[in-house]
Amino acid sequence: MDTNQPTATSTALDALHGWTRLWNGAYDVAPEILTPDARVTFGGVAIGERADPLSGPAAIAGLIRDFRAGRPGLVYSEVDVRAWDGFAVVAWDVDGPGLRRGGIDTFVLDIEGRIAAVRSVTGERGWPRATIAA
């Protein structure tokens, strides 16, 4: 095991929970949870091509702010959060007016547990809660 990589520390979990808060409009958490050169890649076209050239907390927070501006009332929630050895996965749901979707984000975390990279894919429905196993 590479001892230079974090495990599921409280800092890493705080960053992952902070990612959800960021998507819920708490844009001020971005500098705390993202590395200065953090990047995010989306599988969908609705936001993906705009995100590709961006890096850093301010740019990512601005992208999310712009995305939410055209979609008022969205509420993101975590379904499952897992972190280990510098990596993490979060299954999430988003609910809004006439909308329910689920998705998965994968993360690369730095040595301090901050988010260095994200890959995000949105599905066509929310996660059935009864099927999530520990």
C-alpha atoms as a PDB file:
ATOM      1  CA  MET A   1       0.000   0.000   0.000  1.00  0.00           C
ATOM      2  CA  ASP A   2       1.233   3.503  -0.840  1.00  0.00           C
ATOM      3  CA  THR A   3       1.514   5.302   2.499  1.00  0.00           C
ATOM      4  CA  ASN A   4       1.483   8.678   0.743  1.00  0.00           C
ATOM      5  CA  GLN A   5      -2.211   8.258  -0.110  1.00  0.00           C
ATOM      6  CA  PRO A   6      -5.031   9.023   2.324  1.00  0.00           C
ATOM      7  CA  THR A   7      -7.518   6.480   3.552  1.00  0.00           C
ATOM      8  CA  ALA A   8     -11.087   7.347   4.508  1.00  0.00           C
ATOM      9  CA  THR A   9      -9.949  10.131   6.830  1.00  0.00           C
ATOM     10  CA  SER A  10     -12.353  12.653   8.243  1.00  0.00           C
ATOM     11  CA  THR A  11     -10.791  15.230   5.885  1.00  0.00           C
ATOM     12  CA  ALA A  12     -11.561  13.074   2.843  1.00  0.00           C
ATOM     13  CA  LEU A  13     -15.110  12.440   4.011  1.00  0.00           C
ATOM     14  CA  ASP A  14     -15.548  16.144   4.760  1.00  0.00           C
ATOM     15  CA  ALA A  15     -14.432  16.917   1.197  1.00  0.00           C
ATOM     16  CA  LEU A  16     -16.887  14.408  -0.257  1.00  0.00           C
ATOM     17  CA  HIS A  17     -19.764  15.770   1.821  1.00  0.00           C
ATOM     18  CA  GLY A  18     -18.579  19.240   0.817  1.00  0.00           C
ATOM     19  CA  TRP A  19     -18.901  18.251  -2.851  1.00  0.00           C
ATOM     20  CA  THR A  20     -22.591  17.598  -2.239  1.00  0.00           C
ATOM     21  CA  ARG A  21     -22.933  20.933  -0.412  1.00  0.00           C
ATOM     22  CA  LEU A  22     -21.219  22.644  -3.361  1.00  0.00           C
ATOM     23  CA  TRP A  23     -23.789  21.151  -5.746  1.00  0.00           C
ATOM     24  CA  ASN A  24     -26.524  22.384  -3.394  1.00  0.00           C
ATOM     25  CA  GLY A  25     -25.295  25.970  -3.719  1.00  0.00           C
ATOM     26  CA  ALA A  26     -22.632  26.329  -0.987  1.00  0.00           C
ATOM     27  CA  TYR A  27     -20.082  27.723  -3.462  1.00  0.00           C
ATOM     28  CA  ASP A  28     -17.826  29.039  -0.687  1.00  0.00           C
ATOM     29  CA  VAL A  29     -16.709  25.480   0.226  1.00  0.00           C
ATOM     30  CA  ALA A  30     -14.900  25.014  -3.097  1.00  0.00           C
ATOM     31  CA  PRO A  31     -11.469  26.311  -1.927  1.00  0.00           C
ATOM     32  CA  GLU A  32     -11.642  24.090   1.164  1.00  0.00           C
ATOM     33  CA  ILE A  33     -12.477  20.831  -0.602  1.00  0.00           C
ATOM     34  CA  LEU A  34     -10.756  21.179  -4.009  1.00  0.00           C
ATOM     35  CA  THR A  35      -7.063  21.322  -4.838  1.00  0.00           C
ATOM     36  CA  PRO A  36      -5.876  24.453  -6.680  1.00  0.00           C
ATOM     37  CA  ASP A  37      -5.718  22.493  -9.951  1.00  0.00           C
ATOM     38  CA  ALA A  38      -8.776  20.249  -9.428  1.00  0.00           C
ATOM     39  CA  ARG A  39     -10.594  19.109 -12.572  1.00  0.00           C
ATOM     40  CA  VAL A  40     -14.006  17.626 -13.219  1.00  0.00           C
ATOM     41  CA  THR A  41     -15.096  15.583 -16.223  1.00  0.00           C
ATOM     42  CA  PHE A  42     -18.743  14.850 -16.974  1.00  0.00           C
ATOM     43  CA  GLY A  43     -20.089  11.998 -19.056  1.00  0.00           C
ATOM     44  CA  GLY A  44     -23.100  14.029 -20.179  1.00  0.00           C
ATOM     45  CA  VAL A  45     -23.160  16.771 -22.774  1.00  0.00           C
ATOM     46  CA  ALA A  46     -25.355  19.168 -20.738  1.00  0.00           C
ATOM     47  CA  ILE A  47     -22.317  20.358 -18.804  1.00  0.00           C
ATOM     48  CA  GLY A  48     -19.407  18.218 -20.023  1.00  0.00           C
ATOM     49  CA  GLU A  49     -17.929  20.292 -22.826  1.00  0.00           C
ATOM     50  CA  ARG A  50     -18.036  23.469 -20.721  1.00  0.00           C
ATOM     51  CA  ALA A  51     -16.218  21.714 -17.881  1.00  0.00           C
ATOM     52  CA  ASP A  52     -13.423  20.103 -19.894  1.00  0.00           C
ATOM     53  CA  PRO A  53     -11.069  23.125 -20.055  1.00  0.00           C
ATOM     54  CA  LEU A  54     -11.710  24.311 -16.472  1.00  0.00           C
ATOM     55  CA  SER A  55      -9.606  23.748 -13.379  1.00  0.00           C
ATOM     56  CA  GLY A  56      -9.493  25.059  -9.844  1.00  0.00           C
ATOM     57  CA  PRO A  57     -12.048  25.855  -7.159  1.00  0.00           C
ATOM     58  CA  ALA A  58     -13.288  29.194  -8.539  1.00  0.00           C
ATOM     59  CA  ALA A  59     -13.834  27.858 -12.061  1.00  0.00           C
ATOM     60  CA  ILE A  60     -15.591  24.704 -10.858  1.00  0.00           C
ATOM     61  CA  ALA A  61     -17.804  26.626  -8.412  1.00  0.00           C
ATOM     62  CA  GLY A  62     -18.698  29.053 -11.223  1.00  0.00           C
ATOM     63  CA  LEU A  63     -19.599  26.189 -13.530  1.00  0.00           C
ATOM     64  CA  ILE A  64     -21.865  24.648 -10.898  1.00  0.00           C
ATOM     65  CA  ARG A  65     -23.423  28.060 -10.132  1.00  0.00           C
ATOM     66  CA  ASP A  66     -24.216  28.562 -13.827  1.00  0.00           C
ATOM     67  CA  PHE A  67     -25.625  25.036 -14.118  1.00  0.00           C
ATOM     68  CA  ARG A  68     -27.917  25.545 -11.107  1.00  0.00           C
ATOM     69  CA  ALA A  69     -29.071  28.973 -12.325  1.00  0.00           C
ATOM     70  CA  GLY A  70     -30.892  27.307 -15.217  1.00  0.00           C
ATOM     71  CA  ARG A  71     -32.335  24.580 -13.007  1.00  0.00           C
ATOM     72  CA  PRO A  72     -33.845  26.113  -9.858  1.00  0.00           C
ATOM     73  CA  GLY A  73     -34.939  23.875  -7.013  1.00  0.00           C
ATOM     74  CA  LEU A  74     -32.401  21.062  -7.447  1.00  0.00           C
ATOM     75  CA  VAL A  75     -31.462  19.205  -4.262  1.00  0.00           C
ATOM     76  CA  TYR A  76     -28.569  16.742  -4.316  1.00  0.00           C
ATOM     77  CA  SER A  77     -28.239  13.971  -1.726  1.00  0.00           C
ATOM     78  CA  GLU A  78     -25.725  11.226  -1.067  1.00  0.00           C
ATOM     79  CA  VAL A  79     -26.901   7.643  -1.383  1.00  0.00           C
ATOM     80  CA  ASP A  80     -23.561   5.937  -0.659  1.00  0.00           C
ATOM     81  CA  VAL A  81     -20.089   7.336   0.108  1.00  0.00           C
ATOM     82  CA  ARG A  82     -16.922   5.191   0.000  1.00  0.00           C
ATOM     83  CA  ALA A  83     -13.292   6.351   0.295  1.00  0.00           C
ATOM     84  CA  TRP A  84     -10.010   4.439   0.392  1.00  0.00           C
ATOM     85  CA  ASP A  85      -6.321   4.988  -0.436  1.00  0.00           C
ATOM     86  CA  GLY A  86      -6.701   8.265  -2.309  1.00  0.00           C
ATOM     87  CA  PHE A  87      -9.866   7.326  -4.173  1.00  0.00           C
ATOM     88  CA  ALA A  88     -13.573   7.681  -3.495  1.00  0.00           C
ATOM     89  CA  VAL A  89     -16.945   6.916  -5.014  1.00  0.00           C
ATOM     90  CA  VAL A  90     -20.227   8.649  -4.257  1.00  0.00           C
ATOM     91  CA  ALA A  91     -23.602   7.446  -5.509  1.00  0.00           C
ATOM     92  CA  TRP A  92     -26.005  10.376  -5.422  1.00  0.00           C
ATOM     93  CA  ASP A  93     -29.523  11.481  -6.259  1.00  0.00           C
ATOM     94  CA  VAL A  94     -30.836  14.817  -7.449  1.00  0.00           C
ATOM     95  CA  ASP A  95     -34.443  15.841  -6.978  1.00  0.00           C
ATOM     96  CA  GLY A  96     -36.144  18.895  -8.392  1.00  0.00           C
ATOM     97  CA  PRO A  97     -39.394  20.089  -9.902  1.00  0.00           C
ATOM     98  CA  GLY A  98     -40.582  17.121 -11.984  1.00  0.00           C
ATOM     99  CA  LEU A  99     -37.140  15.484 -11.845  1.00  0.00           C
ATOM    100  CA  ARG A 100     -35.408  12.608 -10.073  1.00  0.00           C
ATOM    101  CA  ARG A 101     -32.061  11.310 -11.287  1.00  0.00           C
ATOM    102  CA  GLY A 102     -29.164   9.384  -9.827  1.00  0.00           C
ATOM    103  CA  GLY A 103     -25.496   9.351 -10.633  1.00  0.00           C
ATOM    104  CA  ILE A 104     -22.026   8.240  -9.663  1.00  0.00           C
ATOM    105  CA  ASP A 105     -18.968  10.390  -9.081  1.00  0.00           C
ATOM    106  CA  THR A 106     -15.489   8.926  -8.801  1.00  0.00           C
ATOM    107  CA  PHE A 107     -12.771  10.947  -7.086  1.00  0.00           C
ATOM    108  CA  VAL A 108      -9.002  11.150  -6.846  1.00  0.00           C
ATOM    109  CA  LEU A 109      -7.996  12.668  -3.516  1.00  0.00           C
ATOM    110  CA  ASP A 110      -4.709  14.363  -2.655  1.00  0.00           C
ATOM    111  CA  ILE A 111      -2.562  13.497   0.366  1.00  0.00           C
ATOM    112  CA  GLU A 112      -4.606  15.921   2.507  1.00  0.00           C
ATOM    113  CA  GLY A 113      -7.913  14.342   1.449  1.00  0.00           C
ATOM    114  CA  ARG A 114      -8.956  17.182  -0.862  1.00  0.00           C
ATOM    115  CA  ILE A 115     -10.542  16.488  -4.237  1.00  0.00           C
ATOM    116  CA  ALA A 116      -8.045  16.583  -7.124  1.00  0.00           C
ATOM    117  CA  ALA A 117     -10.180  15.044  -9.879  1.00  0.00           C
ATOM    118  CA  VAL A 118     -13.796  14.008 -10.418  1.00  0.00           C
ATOM    119  CA  ARG A 119     -15.522  11.962 -13.092  1.00  0.00           C
ATOM    120  CA  SER A 120     -19.298  12.253 -12.986  1.00  0.00           C
ATOM    121  CA  VAL A 121     -22.052  10.369 -14.782  1.00  0.00           C
ATOM    122  CA  THR A 122     -25.784  11.015 -14.396  1.00  0.00           C
ATOM    123  CA  GLY A 123     -28.299   8.227 -14.888  1.00  0.00           C
ATOM    124  CA  GLU A 124     -31.898   8.359 -16.013  1.00  0.00           C
ATOM    125  CA  ARG A 125     -33.491   7.585 -12.628  1.00  0.00           C
ATOM    126  CA  GLY A 126     -32.820   7.870  -8.911  1.00  0.00           C
ATOM    127  CA  TRP A 127     -31.248   5.037  -6.961  1.00  0.00           C
ATOM    128  CA  PRO A 128     -33.710   2.563  -5.427  1.00  0.00           C
ATOM    129  CA  ARG A 129     -32.805   2.939  -1.743  1.00  0.00           C
ATOM    130  CA  ALA A 130     -33.731  -0.611  -0.753  1.00  0.00           C
ATOM    131  CA  THR A 131     -31.075  -2.124  -3.045  1.00  0.00           C
ATOM    132  CA  ILE A 132     -28.054  -0.348  -1.550  1.00  0.00           C
ATOM    133  CA  ALA A 133     -25.913  -2.790   0.425  1.00  0.00           C
ATOM    134  CA  ALA A 134     -23.334  -1.826   3.028  1.00  0.00           C
END
